[in-house]
Amino acid sequence: MMKTREMIRARRRRVVAGVIALVAMAVFPDVAHACPVCFDRDDEARIAFLATTGLLPGLPLGVGAGTGWWLRKRVREVEAKADRQEARGR
């Protein structure tokens, strides 16, 4: 377990690194642009990037919902099988 002084030093390092990153972005704003293609003047490319931006947040939600649906279906199948076996045993 980290000692209190080590935790304080680690926190200070993270804060200093964050401040340096923010200052660098403020001083050199051109470097902060991650993707020059996103600012393309071509309408087709811009629409594709917007569609992808809308799709990506929904993808994990869809995977989670699909997994939940599958688990619910599987539990119902197992319970139905257990009920049938219990009915046969009586």
PDB file of N, CA and C in Angstrom:
ATOM      1  N   MET A   1       0.844  -1.182   0.000  1.00  0.00           N
ATOM      2  CA  MET A   1       0.000   0.000   0.000  1.00  0.00           C
ATOM      3  C   MET A   1       0.887   1.241   0.000  1.00  0.00           C
ATOM      4  N   MET A   2       0.480   2.225  -0.787  1.00  0.00           N
ATOM      5  CA  MET A   2       1.284   3.436  -0.892  1.00  0.00           C
ATOM      6  C   MET A   2       1.180   4.248   0.391  1.00  0.00           C
ATOM      7  N   LYS A   3       2.258   4.828   0.752  1.00  0.00           N
ATOM      8  CA  LYS A   3       2.244   5.697   1.908  1.00  0.00           C
ATOM      9  C   LYS A   3       1.621   7.032   1.518  1.00  0.00           C
ATOM     10  N   THR A   4       1.269   7.823   2.505  1.00  0.00           N
ATOM     11  CA  THR A   4       0.594   9.087   2.263  1.00  0.00           C
ATOM     12  C   THR A   4       1.457  10.038   1.437  1.00  0.00           C
ATOM     13  N   ARG A   5       2.735  10.125   1.738  1.00  0.00           N
ATOM     14  CA  ARG A   5       3.621  11.023   0.983  1.00  0.00           C
ATOM     15  C   ARG A   5       3.736  10.591  -0.471  1.00  0.00           C
ATOM     16  N   GLU A   6       3.817   9.295  -0.701  1.00  0.00           N
ATOM     17  CA  GLU A   6       3.914   8.797  -2.074  1.00  0.00           C
ATOM     18  C   GLU A   6       2.628   9.094  -2.843  1.00  0.00           C
ATOM     19  N   MET A   7       1.494   8.980  -2.179  1.00  0.00           N
ATOM     20  CA  MET A   7       0.227   9.281  -2.830  1.00  0.00           C
ATOM     21  C   MET A   7       0.149  10.759  -3.201  1.00  0.00           C
ATOM     22  N   ILE A   8       0.608  11.623  -2.314  1.00  0.00           N
ATOM     23  CA  ILE A   8       0.602  13.066  -2.580  1.00  0.00           C
ATOM     24  C   ILE A   8       1.520  13.382  -3.751  1.00  0.00           C
ATOM     25  N   ARG A   9       2.704  12.766  -3.784  1.00  0.00           N
ATOM     26  CA  ARG A   9       3.638  12.998  -4.885  1.00  0.00           C
ATOM     27  C   ARG A   9       3.050  12.527  -6.211  1.00  0.00           C
ATOM     28  N   ALA A  10       2.403  11.372  -6.205  1.00  0.00           N
ATOM     29  CA  ALA A  10       1.799  10.852  -7.430  1.00  0.00           C
ATOM     30  C   ALA A  10       0.687  11.780  -7.913  1.00  0.00           C
ATOM     31  N   ARG A  11      -0.103  12.284  -7.002  1.00  0.00           N
ATOM     32  CA  ARG A  11      -1.182  13.206  -7.363  1.00  0.00           C
ATOM     33  C   ARG A  11      -0.609  14.497  -7.932  1.00  0.00           C
ATOM     34  N   ARG A  12       0.450  15.003  -7.314  1.00  0.00           N
ATOM     35  CA  ARG A  12       1.087  16.224  -7.830  1.00  0.00           C
ATOM     36  C   ARG A  12       1.613  16.010  -9.238  1.00  0.00           C
ATOM     37  N   ARG A  13       2.229  14.844  -9.488  1.00  0.00           N
ATOM     38  CA  ARG A  13       2.744  14.555 -10.833  1.00  0.00           C
ATOM     39  C   ARG A  13       1.623  14.551 -11.860  1.00  0.00           C
ATOM     40  N   ARG A  14       0.492  13.951 -11.506  1.00  0.00           N
ATOM     41  CA  ARG A  14      -0.645  13.919 -12.436  1.00  0.00           C
ATOM     42  C   ARG A  14      -1.174  15.326 -12.709  1.00  0.00           C
ATOM     43  N   VAL A  15      -1.267  16.133 -11.663  1.00  0.00           N
ATOM     44  CA  VAL A  15      -1.759  17.502 -11.832  1.00  0.00           C
ATOM     45  C   VAL A  15      -0.798  18.299 -12.704  1.00  0.00           C
ATOM     46  N   VAL A  16       0.502  18.173 -12.440  1.00  0.00           N
ATOM     47  CA  VAL A  16       1.500  18.897 -13.226  1.00  0.00           C
ATOM     48  C   VAL A  16       1.442  18.455 -14.689  1.00  0.00           C
ATOM     49  N   ALA A  17       1.319  17.160 -14.933  1.00  0.00           N
ATOM     50  CA  ALA A  17       1.234  16.662 -16.303  1.00  0.00           C
ATOM     51  C   ALA A  17      -0.016  17.205 -16.998  1.00  0.00           C
ATOM     52  N   GLY A  18      -1.135  17.262 -16.290  1.00  0.00           N
ATOM     53  CA  GLY A  18      -2.360  17.817 -16.860  1.00  0.00           C
ATOM     54  C   GLY A  18      -2.232  19.297 -17.183  1.00  0.00           C
ATOM     55  N   VAL A  19      -1.611  20.038 -16.278  1.00  0.00           N
ATOM     56  CA  VAL A  19      -1.422  21.472 -16.508  1.00  0.00           C
ATOM     57  C   VAL A  19      -0.505  21.695 -17.710  1.00  0.00           C
ATOM     58  N   ILE A  20       0.563  20.906 -17.808  1.00  0.00           N
ATOM     59  CA  ILE A  20       1.482  21.040 -18.947  1.00  0.00           C
ATOM     60  C   ILE A  20       0.736  20.739 -20.249  1.00  0.00           C
ATOM     61  N   ALA A  21      -0.106  19.728 -20.253  1.00  0.00           N
ATOM     62  CA  ALA A  21      -0.861  19.383 -21.455  1.00  0.00           C
ATOM     63  C   ALA A  21      -1.823  20.509 -21.833  1.00  0.00           C
ATOM     64  N   LEU A  22      -2.522  21.077 -20.856  1.00  0.00           N
ATOM     65  CA  LEU A  22      -3.443  22.177 -21.147  1.00  0.00           C
ATOM     66  C   LEU A  22      -2.715  23.405 -21.665  1.00  0.00           C
ATOM     67  N   VAL A  23      -1.572  23.727 -21.074  1.00  0.00           N
ATOM     68  CA  VAL A  23      -0.789  24.877 -21.529  1.00  0.00           C
ATOM     69  C   VAL A  23      -0.283  24.636 -22.949  1.00  0.00           C
ATOM     70  N   ALA A  24       0.176  23.414 -23.216  1.00  0.00           N
ATOM     71  CA  ALA A  24       0.668  23.098 -24.558  1.00  0.00           C
ATOM     72  C   ALA A  24      -0.445  23.239 -25.589  1.00  0.00           C
ATOM     73  N   MET A  25      -1.668  22.798 -25.256  1.00  0.00           N
ATOM     74  CA  MET A  25      -2.777  22.938 -26.189  1.00  0.00           C
ATOM     75  C   MET A  25      -3.165  24.403 -26.387  1.00  0.00           C
ATOM     76  N   ALA A  26      -3.030  25.203 -25.344  1.00  0.00           N
ATOM     77  CA  ALA A  26      -3.360  26.624 -25.462  1.00  0.00           C
ATOM     78  C   ALA A  26      -2.315  27.367 -26.286  1.00  0.00           C
ATOM     79  N   VAL A  27      -1.049  26.995 -26.126  1.00  0.00           N
ATOM     80  CA  VAL A  27       0.031  27.675 -26.832  1.00  0.00           C
ATOM     81  C   VAL A  27       0.106  27.212 -28.294  1.00  0.00           C
ATOM     82  N   PHE A  28      -0.117  25.917 -28.522  1.00  0.00           N
ATOM     83  CA  PHE A  28      -0.036  25.344 -29.867  1.00  0.00           C
ATOM     84  C   PHE A  28      -1.386  24.730 -30.255  1.00  0.00           C
ATOM     85  N   PRO A  29      -2.386  25.538 -30.567  1.00  0.00           N
ATOM     86  CA  PRO A  29      -3.717  24.988 -30.848  1.00  0.00           C
ATOM     87  C   PRO A  29      -3.762  24.123 -32.105  1.00  0.00           C
ATOM     88  N   ASP A  30      -2.866  24.359 -33.064  1.00  0.00           N
ATOM     89  CA  ASP A  30      -2.866  23.539 -34.277  1.00  0.00           C
ATOM     90  C   ASP A  30      -2.511  22.097 -33.978  1.00  0.00           C
ATOM     91  N   VAL A  31      -1.708  21.868 -32.964  1.00  0.00           N
ATOM     92  CA  VAL A  31      -1.316  20.520 -32.599  1.00  0.00           C
ATOM     93  C   VAL A  31      -2.495  19.779 -31.963  1.00  0.00           C
ATOM     94  N   ALA A  32      -3.414  20.519 -31.357  1.00  0.00           N
ATOM     95  CA  ALA A  32      -4.535  19.903 -30.655  1.00  0.00           C
ATOM     96  C   ALA A  32      -5.541  19.260 -31.607  1.00  0.00           C
ATOM     97  N   HIS A  33      -5.551  19.644 -32.874  1.00  0.00           N
ATOM     98  CA  HIS A  33      -6.464  19.021 -33.836  1.00  0.00           C
ATOM     99  C   HIS A  33      -5.998  17.603 -34.095  1.00  0.00           C
ATOM    100  N   ALA A  34      -6.780  16.654 -33.637  1.00  0.00           N
ATOM    101  CA  ALA A  34      -6.392  15.251 -33.740  1.00  0.00           C
ATOM    102  C   ALA A  34      -6.563  14.723 -35.154  1.00  0.00           C
ATOM    103  N   CYS A  35      -7.529  15.234 -35.877  1.00  0.00           N
ATOM    104  CA  CYS A  35      -7.848  14.647 -37.173  1.00  0.00           C
ATOM    105  C   CYS A  35      -8.177  15.755 -38.169  1.00  0.00           C
ATOM    106  N   PRO A  36      -7.273  16.085 -39.068  1.00  0.00           N
ATOM    107  CA  PRO A  36      -7.571  17.137 -40.041  1.00  0.00           C
ATOM    108  C   PRO A  36      -8.659  16.718 -41.026  1.00  0.00           C
ATOM    109  N   VAL A  37      -8.899  15.422 -41.161  1.00  0.00           N
ATOM    110  CA  VAL A  37      -9.925  14.947 -42.084  1.00  0.00           C
ATOM    111  C   VAL A  37     -11.315  15.316 -41.580  1.00  0.00           C
ATOM    112  N   CYS A  38     -11.479  15.412 -40.261  1.00  0.00           N
ATOM    113  CA  CYS A  38     -12.787  15.746 -39.703  1.00  0.00           C
ATOM    114  C   CYS A  38     -13.251  17.132 -40.151  1.00  0.00           C
ATOM    115  N   PHE A  39     -12.327  17.972 -40.548  1.00  0.00           N
ATOM    116  CA  PHE A  39     -12.664  19.325 -40.975  1.00  0.00           C
ATOM    117  C   PHE A  39     -12.657  19.437 -42.497  1.00  0.00           C
ATOM    118  N   ASP A  40     -12.850  18.319 -43.160  1.00  0.00           N
ATOM    119  CA  ASP A  40     -12.842  18.271 -44.619  1.00  0.00           C
ATOM    120  C   ASP A  40     -14.031  19.045 -45.165  1.00  0.00           C
ATOM    121  N   ARG A  41     -13.831  19.720 -46.279  1.00  0.00           N
ATOM    122  CA  ARG A  41     -14.910  20.507 -46.869  1.00  0.00           C
ATOM    123  C   ARG A  41     -15.851  19.647 -47.720  1.00  0.00           C
ATOM    124  N   ASP A  42     -15.466  18.423 -47.984  1.00  0.00           N
ATOM    125  CA  ASP A  42     -16.287  17.520 -48.779  1.00  0.00           C
ATOM    126  C   ASP A  42     -17.494  17.077 -47.954  1.00  0.00           C
ATOM    127  N   ASP A  43     -18.688  17.321 -48.466  1.00  0.00           N
ATOM    128  CA  ASP A  43     -19.908  16.988 -47.720  1.00  0.00           C
ATOM    129  C   ASP A  43     -20.042  15.496 -47.469  1.00  0.00           C
ATOM    130  N   GLU A  44     -19.658  14.676 -48.435  1.00  0.00           N
ATOM    131  CA  GLU A  44     -19.785  13.230 -48.281  1.00  0.00           C
ATOM    132  C   GLU A  44     -18.930  12.720 -47.126  1.00  0.00           C
ATOM    133  N   ALA A  45     -17.705  13.209 -47.030  1.00  0.00           N
ATOM    134  CA  ALA A  45     -16.816  12.789 -45.941  1.00  0.00           C
ATOM    135  C   ALA A  45     -17.341  13.288 -44.596  1.00  0.00           C
ATOM    136  N   ARG A  46     -17.835  14.521 -44.580  1.00  0.00           N
ATOM    137  CA  ARG A  46     -18.345  15.087 -43.328  1.00  0.00           C
ATOM    138  C   ARG A  46     -19.554  14.295 -42.840  1.00  0.00           C
ATOM    139  N   ILE A  47     -20.447  13.922 -43.755  1.00  0.00           N
ATOM    140  CA  ILE A  47     -21.630  13.139 -43.376  1.00  0.00           C
ATOM    141  C   ILE A  47     -21.209  11.766 -42.857  1.00  0.00           C
ATOM    142  N   ALA A  48     -20.199  11.168 -43.492  1.00  0.00           N
ATOM    143  CA  ALA A  48     -19.714   9.863 -43.033  1.00  0.00           C
ATOM    144  C   ALA A  48     -19.152   9.955 -41.623  1.00  0.00           C
ATOM    145  N   PHE A  49     -18.392  11.000 -41.334  1.00  0.00           N
ATOM    146  CA  PHE A  49     -17.835  11.150 -39.992  1.00  0.00           C
ATOM    147  C   PHE A  49     -18.926  11.416 -38.962  1.00  0.00           C
ATOM    148  N   LEU A  50     -19.928  12.199 -39.322  1.00  0.00           N
ATOM    149  CA  LEU A  50     -21.029  12.447 -38.389  1.00  0.00           C
ATOM    150  C   LEU A  50     -21.816  11.172 -38.120  1.00  0.00           C
ATOM    151  N   ALA A  51     -22.046  10.373 -39.160  1.00  0.00           N
ATOM    152  CA  ALA A  51     -22.768   9.109 -38.976  1.00  0.00           C
ATOM    153  C   ALA A  51     -21.977   8.163 -38.076  1.00  0.00           C
ATOM    154  N   THR A  52     -20.673   8.107 -38.290  1.00  0.00           N
ATOM    155  CA  THR A  52     -19.829   7.258 -37.454  1.00  0.00           C
ATOM    156  C   THR A  52     -19.831   7.753 -36.014  1.00  0.00           C
ATOM    157  N   THR A  53     -19.815   9.064 -35.839  1.00  0.00           N
ATOM    158  CA  THR A  53     -19.856   9.631 -34.489  1.00  0.00           C
ATOM    159  C   THR A  53     -21.161   9.262 -33.793  1.00  0.00           C
ATOM    160  N   GLY A  54     -22.239   9.212 -34.520  1.00  0.00           N
ATOM    161  CA  GLY A  54     -23.514   8.814 -33.933  1.00  0.00           C
ATOM    162  C   GLY A  54     -23.593   7.320 -33.668  1.00  0.00           C
ATOM    163  N   LEU A  55     -22.944   6.527 -34.494  1.00  0.00           N
ATOM    164  CA  LEU A  55     -22.991   5.072 -34.346  1.00  0.00           C
ATOM    165  C   LEU A  55     -22.163   4.592 -33.156  1.00  0.00           C
ATOM    166  N   LEU A  56     -20.989   5.144 -32.987  1.00  0.00           N
ATOM    167  CA  LEU A  56     -20.070   4.622 -31.983  1.00  0.00           C
ATOM    168  C   LEU A  56     -20.589   4.700 -30.545  1.00  0.00           C
ATOM    169  N   PRO A  57     -21.254   5.760 -30.114  1.00  0.00           N
ATOM    170  CA  PRO A  57     -21.794   5.737 -28.747  1.00  0.00           C
ATOM    171  C   PRO A  57     -22.884   4.692 -28.553  1.00  0.00           C
ATOM    172  N   GLY A  58     -23.631   4.385 -29.606  1.00  0.00           N
ATOM    173  CA  GLY A  58     -24.704   3.405 -29.487  1.00  0.00           C
ATOM    174  C   GLY A  58     -24.232   1.972 -29.530  1.00  0.00           C
ATOM    175  N   LEU A  59     -23.051   1.751 -30.058  1.00  0.00           N
ATOM    176  CA  LEU A  59     -22.554   0.382 -30.204  1.00  0.00           C
ATOM    177  C   LEU A  59     -22.393  -0.331 -28.863  1.00  0.00           C
ATOM    178  N   PRO A  60     -21.740   0.247 -27.867  1.00  0.00           N
ATOM    179  CA  PRO A  60     -21.642  -0.454 -26.577  1.00  0.00           C
ATOM    180  C   PRO A  60     -22.999  -0.667 -25.918  1.00  0.00           C
ATOM    181  N   LEU A  61     -23.904   0.288 -26.097  1.00  0.00           N
ATOM    182  CA  LEU A  61     -25.248   0.120 -25.531  1.00  0.00           C
ATOM    183  C   LEU A  61     -25.958  -1.048 -26.204  1.00  0.00           C
ATOM    184  N   GLY A  62     -25.791  -1.174 -27.506  1.00  0.00           N
ATOM    185  CA  GLY A  62     -26.396  -2.288 -28.223  1.00  0.00           C
ATOM    186  C   GLY A  62     -25.812  -3.625 -27.803  1.00  0.00           C
ATOM    187  N   VAL A  63     -24.509  -3.661 -27.596  1.00  0.00           N
ATOM    188  CA  VAL A  63     -23.867  -4.903 -27.155  1.00  0.00           C
ATOM    189  C   VAL A  63     -24.375  -5.283 -25.762  1.00  0.00           C
ATOM    190  N   GLY A  64     -24.473  -4.304 -24.883  1.00  0.00           N
ATOM    191  CA  GLY A  64     -24.984  -4.578 -23.538  1.00  0.00           C
ATOM    192  C   GLY A  64     -26.424  -5.036 -23.554  1.00  0.00           C
ATOM    193  N   ALA A  65     -27.256  -4.371 -24.362  1.00  0.00           N
ATOM    194  CA  ALA A  65     -28.658  -4.763 -24.448  1.00  0.00           C
ATOM    195  C   ALA A  65     -28.792  -6.152 -25.071  1.00  0.00           C
ATOM    196  N   GLY A  66     -28.009  -6.437 -26.081  1.00  0.00           N
ATOM    197  CA  GLY A  66     -28.049  -7.755 -26.705  1.00  0.00           C
ATOM    198  C   GLY A  66     -27.617  -8.854 -25.758  1.00  0.00           C
ATOM    199  N   THR A  67     -26.598  -8.587 -24.972  1.00  0.00           N
ATOM    200  CA  THR A  67     -26.137  -9.563 -23.988  1.00  0.00           C
ATOM    201  C   THR A  67     -27.205  -9.794 -22.921  1.00  0.00           C
ATOM    202  N   GLY A  68     -27.820  -8.717 -22.461  1.00  0.00           N
ATOM    203  CA  GLY A  68     -28.901  -8.853 -21.477  1.00  0.00           C
ATOM    204  C   GLY A  68     -30.072  -9.637 -22.025  1.00  0.00           C
ATOM    205  N   TRP A  69     -30.453  -9.377 -23.282  1.00  0.00           N
ATOM    206  CA  TRP A  69     -31.543 -10.107 -23.921  1.00  0.00           C
ATOM    207  C   TRP A  69     -31.208 -11.592 -24.025  1.00  0.00           C
ATOM    208  N   TRP A  70     -29.973 -11.907 -24.441  1.00  0.00           N
ATOM    209  CA  TRP A  70     -29.562 -13.297 -24.577  1.00  0.00           C
ATOM    210  C   TRP A  70     -29.557 -14.004 -23.217  1.00  0.00           C
ATOM    211  N   LEU A  71     -29.034 -13.334 -22.175  1.00  0.00           N
ATOM    212  CA  LEU A  71     -29.014 -13.932 -20.840  1.00  0.00           C
ATOM    213  C   LEU A  71     -30.426 -14.205 -20.335  1.00  0.00           C
ATOM    214  N   ARG A  72     -31.324 -13.243 -20.554  1.00  0.00           N
ATOM    215  CA  ARG A  72     -32.709 -13.423 -20.112  1.00  0.00           C
ATOM    216  C   ARG A  72     -33.344 -14.618 -20.823  1.00  0.00           C
ATOM    217  N   LYS A  73     -33.106 -14.716 -22.129  1.00  0.00           N
ATOM    218  CA  LYS A  73     -33.638 -15.829 -22.902  1.00  0.00           C
ATOM    219  C   LYS A  73     -33.059 -17.154 -22.410  1.00  0.00           C
ATOM    220  N   ARG A  74     -31.777 -17.177 -22.143  1.00  0.00           N
ATOM    221  CA  ARG A  74     -31.106 -18.408 -21.685  1.00  0.00           C
ATOM    222  C   ARG A  74     -31.625 -18.828 -20.313  1.00  0.00           C
ATOM    223  N   VAL A  75     -31.822 -17.878 -19.413  1.00  0.00           N
ATOM    224  CA  VAL A  75     -32.345 -18.202 -18.078  1.00  0.00           C
ATOM    225  C   VAL A  75     -33.742 -18.790 -18.192  1.00  0.00           C
ATOM    226  N   ARG A  76     -34.556 -18.219 -19.063  1.00  0.00           N
ATOM    227  CA  ARG A  76     -35.904 -18.749 -19.246  1.00  0.00           C
ATOM    228  C   ARG A  76     -35.871 -20.179 -19.798  1.00  0.00           C
ATOM    229  N   GLU A  77     -34.939 -20.446 -20.729  1.00  0.00           N
ATOM    230  CA  GLU A  77     -34.813 -21.805 -21.277  1.00  0.00           C
ATOM    231  C   GLU A  77     -34.398 -22.796 -20.197  1.00  0.00           C
ATOM    232  N   VAL A  78     -33.437 -22.406 -19.371  1.00  0.00           N
ATOM    233  CA  VAL A  78     -32.965 -23.300 -18.306  1.00  0.00           C
ATOM    234  C   VAL A  78     -34.072 -23.542 -17.287  1.00  0.00           C
ATOM    235  N   GLU A  79     -34.803 -22.475 -16.932  1.00  0.00           N
ATOM    236  CA  GLU A  79     -35.913 -22.643 -15.985  1.00  0.00           C
ATOM    237  C   GLU A  79     -37.006 -23.530 -16.560  1.00  0.00           C
ATOM    238  N   ALA A  80     -37.298 -23.373 -17.850  1.00  0.00           N
ATOM    239  CA  ALA A  80     -38.326 -24.216 -18.480  1.00  0.00           C
ATOM    240  C   ALA A  80     -37.878 -25.668 -18.496  1.00  0.00           C
ATOM    241  N   LYS A  81     -36.613 -25.896 -18.768  1.00  0.00           N
ATOM    242  CA  LYS A  81     -36.092 -27.259 -18.769  1.00  0.00           C
ATOM    243  C   LYS A  81     -36.166 -27.862 -17.365  1.00  0.00           C
ATOM    244  N   ALA A  82     -35.828 -27.076 -16.353  1.00  0.00           N
ATOM    245  CA  ALA A  82     -35.900 -27.555 -14.972  1.00  0.00           C
ATOM    246  C   ALA A  82     -37.345 -27.862 -14.582  1.00  0.00           C
ATOM    247  N   ASP A  83     -38.279 -27.016 -15.034  1.00  0.00           N
ATOM    248  CA  ASP A  83     -39.695 -27.255 -14.746  1.00  0.00           C
ATOM    249  C   ASP A  83     -40.181 -28.545 -15.404  1.00  0.00           C
ATOM    250  N   ARG A  84     -39.745 -28.790 -16.642  1.00  0.00           N
ATOM    251  CA  ARG A  84     -40.153 -30.021 -17.331  1.00  0.00           C
ATOM    252  C   ARG A  84     -39.592 -31.259 -16.613  1.00  0.00           C
ATOM    253  N   GLN A  85     -38.352 -31.150 -16.178  1.00  0.00           N
ATOM    254  CA  GLN A  85     -37.740 -32.295 -15.475  1.00  0.00           C
ATOM    255  C   GLN A  85     -38.419 -32.519 -14.136  1.00  0.00           C
ATOM    256  N   GLU A  86     -38.783 -31.436 -13.475  1.00  0.00           N
ATOM    257  CA  GLU A  86     -39.480 -31.563 -12.191  1.00  0.00           C
ATOM    258  C   GLU A  86     -40.863 -32.168 -12.396  1.00  0.00           C
ATOM    259  N   ALA A  87     -41.548 -31.800 -13.471  1.00  0.00           N
ATOM    260  CA  ALA A  87     -42.859 -32.356 -13.755  1.00  0.00           C
ATOM    261  C   ALA A  87     -42.772 -33.853 -14.071  1.00  0.00           C
ATOM    262  N   ARG A  88     -41.719 -34.269 -14.722  1.00  0.00           N
ATOM    263  CA  ARG A  88     -41.538 -35.681 -15.046  1.00  0.00           C
ATOM    264  C   ARG A  88     -41.240 -36.489 -13.788  1.00  0.00           C
ATOM    265  N   GLY A  89     -40.554 -35.861 -12.845  1.00  0.00           N
ATOM    266  CA  GLY A  89     -40.169 -36.553 -11.619  1.00  0.00           C
ATOM    267  C   GLY A  89     -41.338 -36.777 -10.674  1.00  0.00           C
ATOM    268  N   ARG A  90     -42.406 -36.069 -10.828  1.00  0.00           N
ATOM    269  CA  ARG A  90     -43.556 -36.193  -9.917  1.00  0.00           C
ATOM    270  C   ARG A  90     -44.424 -37.309 -10.279  1.00  0.00           C
TER     271      ARG A  90
END
